[in-house]
Amino acid sequence: MSLFNGFNISASGLTANRMRMDVVSSNIANANTTRSQLVNGEWVPYRRKSVELSQSGVSPFQQQLQSAMNNQSSKVSGVTVSKIDEDKAPFTLSYDPSHSDADENGYVRLPNVDPIKEMVDLMSATRSYEANITALNASKNMFIKALEIGK
């Protein structure tokens, strides 16, 4: 196991959670955007996006345990953003005949973004980001204490 494995894993977690926060911020910023992209000559509202994370350097737990017991190098390297998906949930309809994007019946299609859900996702990403910072600081402090042993 590399001396800097803990740093690399925490760094990948920081990067992934930063991406989650960026996507949530984009969702909140576009919560009222009724003209996001032109599809077949028609403007479509913004679609909520979500981040999917996956392990990088994946190997089953049993393999990790055996390699640790045999003092072999481990292939764990943290997390990565595997993809950013668009939510396929239907758009919200709102009756507002005075809106410039209202259809012939007076309904406006609004984005499928729920601000409450976005705030929960943002809090989750923030807490995960903070946890990775704490792990990074713990690794740093262990290195500092190990260096002080030789004094």
Protein backbone atom coordinates (compact mmCIF):
# COMPACT_ATOMS: atom_id res chain seq x y z
CA MET A 1 0.00 0.00 0.00
CA SER A 2 1.40 3.36 -1.01
CA LEU A 3 2.21 5.94 1.59
CA PHE A 4 -0.01 8.43 -0.19
CA ASN A 5 -3.03 6.17 -0.84
CA GLY A 6 -5.08 7.98 1.80
CA PHE A 7 -4.31 11.33 0.21
CA ASN A 8 -5.26 10.04 -3.25
CA ILE A 9 -8.54 8.56 -2.04
CA SER A 10 -9.51 11.75 -0.19
CA ALA A 11 -8.55 13.86 -3.21
CA SER A 12 -10.77 11.78 -5.49
CA GLY A 13 -13.63 12.20 -3.01
CA LEU A 14 -13.10 15.96 -2.93
CA THR A 15 -13.15 16.13 -6.73
CA ALA A 16 -16.27 13.98 -7.04
CA ASN A 17 -18.20 15.91 -4.39
CA ARG A 18 -17.18 19.22 -5.94
CA MET A 19 -18.73 17.98 -9.19
CA ARG A 20 -21.90 17.02 -7.28
CA MET A 21 -22.08 20.54 -5.79
CA ASP A 22 -21.57 22.11 -9.24
CA VAL A 23 -24.39 20.05 -10.77
CA VAL A 24 -26.76 20.85 -7.89
CA SER A 25 -25.91 24.55 -8.25
CA SER A 26 -26.71 24.34 -11.96
CA ASN A 27 -30.04 22.66 -11.16
CA ILE A 28 -30.99 25.37 -8.67
CA ALA A 29 -29.91 28.15 -11.04
CA ASN A 30 -32.08 26.71 -13.82
CA ALA A 31 -35.14 25.87 -11.69
CA ASN A 32 -37.25 28.36 -13.67
CA THR A 33 -35.63 28.04 -17.12
CA THR A 34 -38.39 27.26 -19.60
CA ARG A 35 -36.16 27.46 -22.69
CA SER A 36 -33.14 25.26 -22.27
CA GLN A 37 -32.65 23.62 -25.66
CA LEU A 38 -34.32 23.44 -29.02
CA VAL A 39 -35.64 19.94 -29.83
CA ASN A 40 -37.45 19.33 -33.13
CA GLY A 41 -38.13 23.07 -33.51
CA GLU A 42 -39.64 23.36 -30.02
CA TRP A 43 -38.07 24.83 -26.89
CA VAL A 44 -37.77 22.34 -24.03
CA PRO A 45 -37.43 23.31 -20.35
CA TYR A 46 -34.28 22.54 -18.40
CA ARG A 47 -34.00 18.92 -17.23
CA ARG A 48 -32.62 18.18 -13.80
CA LYS A 49 -29.19 16.57 -13.84
CA SER A 50 -27.72 14.12 -11.32
CA VAL A 51 -24.21 12.80 -10.76
CA GLU A 52 -23.50 9.09 -10.56
CA LEU A 53 -20.37 8.08 -8.64
CA SER A 54 -18.52 4.80 -8.91
CA GLN A 55 -15.45 3.23 -7.35
CA SER A 56 -12.22 3.48 -9.23
CA GLY A 57 -9.78 0.62 -8.96
CA VAL A 58 -12.65 -1.71 -8.10
CA SER A 59 -11.92 -5.07 -6.58
CA PRO A 60 -14.04 -7.17 -4.24
CA PHE A 61 -13.60 -6.83 -0.50
CA GLN A 62 -12.14 -10.33 -0.16
CA GLN A 63 -9.35 -9.45 -2.61
CA GLN A 64 -8.61 -6.26 -0.70
CA LEU A 65 -8.48 -8.15 2.59
CA GLN A 66 -6.16 -10.82 1.20
CA SER A 67 -3.80 -8.27 -0.34
CA ALA A 68 -3.68 -6.34 2.94
CA MET A 69 -2.97 -9.50 4.93
CA ASN A 70 -0.18 -10.50 2.52
CA ASN A 71 1.33 -6.98 2.47
CA GLN A 72 0.62 -6.63 -1.24
CA SER A 73 -0.25 -3.40 -2.95
CA SER A 74 -3.92 -2.50 -3.04
CA LYS A 75 -5.73 -1.21 -6.12
CA VAL A 76 -8.15 1.05 -4.26
CA SER A 77 -7.97 4.57 -5.61
CA GLY A 78 -11.16 6.32 -4.53
CA VAL A 79 -14.21 7.40 -6.50
CA THR A 80 -14.88 8.91 -9.89
CA VAL A 81 -17.85 10.53 -11.58
CA SER A 82 -19.07 7.78 -13.88
CA LYS A 83 -21.76 9.87 -15.59
CA ILE A 84 -24.06 12.84 -15.34
CA ASP A 85 -27.64 11.82 -16.12
CA GLU A 86 -30.68 13.87 -17.02
CA ASP A 87 -33.76 13.15 -14.93
CA LYS A 88 -36.52 11.75 -17.14
CA ALA A 89 -39.31 12.84 -14.77
CA PRO A 90 -42.10 14.78 -16.51
CA PHE A 91 -42.07 18.55 -16.52
CA THR A 92 -44.33 20.45 -14.16
CA LEU A 93 -47.30 22.22 -15.72
CA SER A 94 -48.29 25.63 -14.44
CA TYR A 95 -51.29 27.65 -15.58
CA ASP A 96 -50.08 31.10 -16.63
CA PRO A 97 -51.65 32.31 -19.89
CA SER A 98 -49.65 35.57 -19.75
CA HIS A 99 -46.29 33.72 -19.86
CA SER A 100 -44.46 33.94 -23.20
CA ASP A 101 -43.95 30.15 -23.27
CA ALA A 102 -47.57 29.22 -22.50
CA ASP A 103 -49.24 26.78 -24.87
CA GLU A 104 -52.66 27.33 -26.50
CA ASN A 105 -54.37 26.21 -23.24
CA GLY A 106 -52.35 28.65 -21.10
CA TYR A 107 -50.07 26.05 -19.49
CA VAL A 108 -46.32 26.51 -19.17
CA ARG A 109 -43.96 23.55 -18.90
CA LEU A 110 -41.53 24.17 -16.05
CA PRO A 111 -38.32 22.26 -15.28
CA ASN A 112 -38.49 19.05 -13.24
CA VAL A 113 -36.27 20.59 -10.55
CA ASP A 114 -37.45 20.37 -6.93
CA PRO A 115 -35.55 23.00 -4.89
CA ILE A 116 -36.03 21.04 -1.65
CA LYS A 117 -34.53 17.90 -3.16
CA GLU A 118 -31.65 19.95 -4.55
CA MET A 119 -30.91 21.45 -1.14
CA VAL A 120 -30.85 17.97 0.41
CA ASP A 121 -28.43 16.82 -2.32
CA LEU A 122 -26.31 19.93 -1.74
CA MET A 123 -26.14 19.29 2.01
CA SER A 124 -25.18 15.66 1.37
CA ALA A 125 -22.41 16.64 -1.05
CA THR A 126 -21.16 19.31 1.37
CA ARG A 127 -21.02 16.84 4.27
CA SER A 128 -19.19 14.31 2.11
CA TYR A 129 -16.74 17.01 1.04
CA GLU A 130 -16.12 17.94 4.68
CA ALA A 131 -15.62 14.27 5.61
CA ASN A 132 -12.95 13.94 2.93
CA ILE A 133 -11.20 17.05 4.23
CA THR A 134 -11.25 15.56 7.74
CA ALA A 135 -9.74 12.29 6.44
CA LEU A 136 -7.09 14.24 4.53
CA ASN A 137 -6.17 16.22 7.65
CA ALA A 138 -6.02 13.03 9.72
CA SER A 139 -3.58 11.48 7.23
CA LYS A 140 -1.50 14.64 7.24
CA ASN A 141 -1.37 14.67 11.05
CA MET A 142 -0.30 11.00 11.12
CA PHE A 143 2.58 11.80 8.77
CA ILE A 144 3.63 14.75 10.91
CA LYS A 145 3.56 12.63 14.07
CA ALA A 146 5.55 9.89 12.32
CA LEU A 147 8.20 12.42 11.33
CA GLU A 148 8.40 13.67 14.92
CA ILE A 149 9.24 10.16 16.16
CA GLY A 150 12.74 10.47 14.71
CA LYS A 151 13.55 13.67 16.61
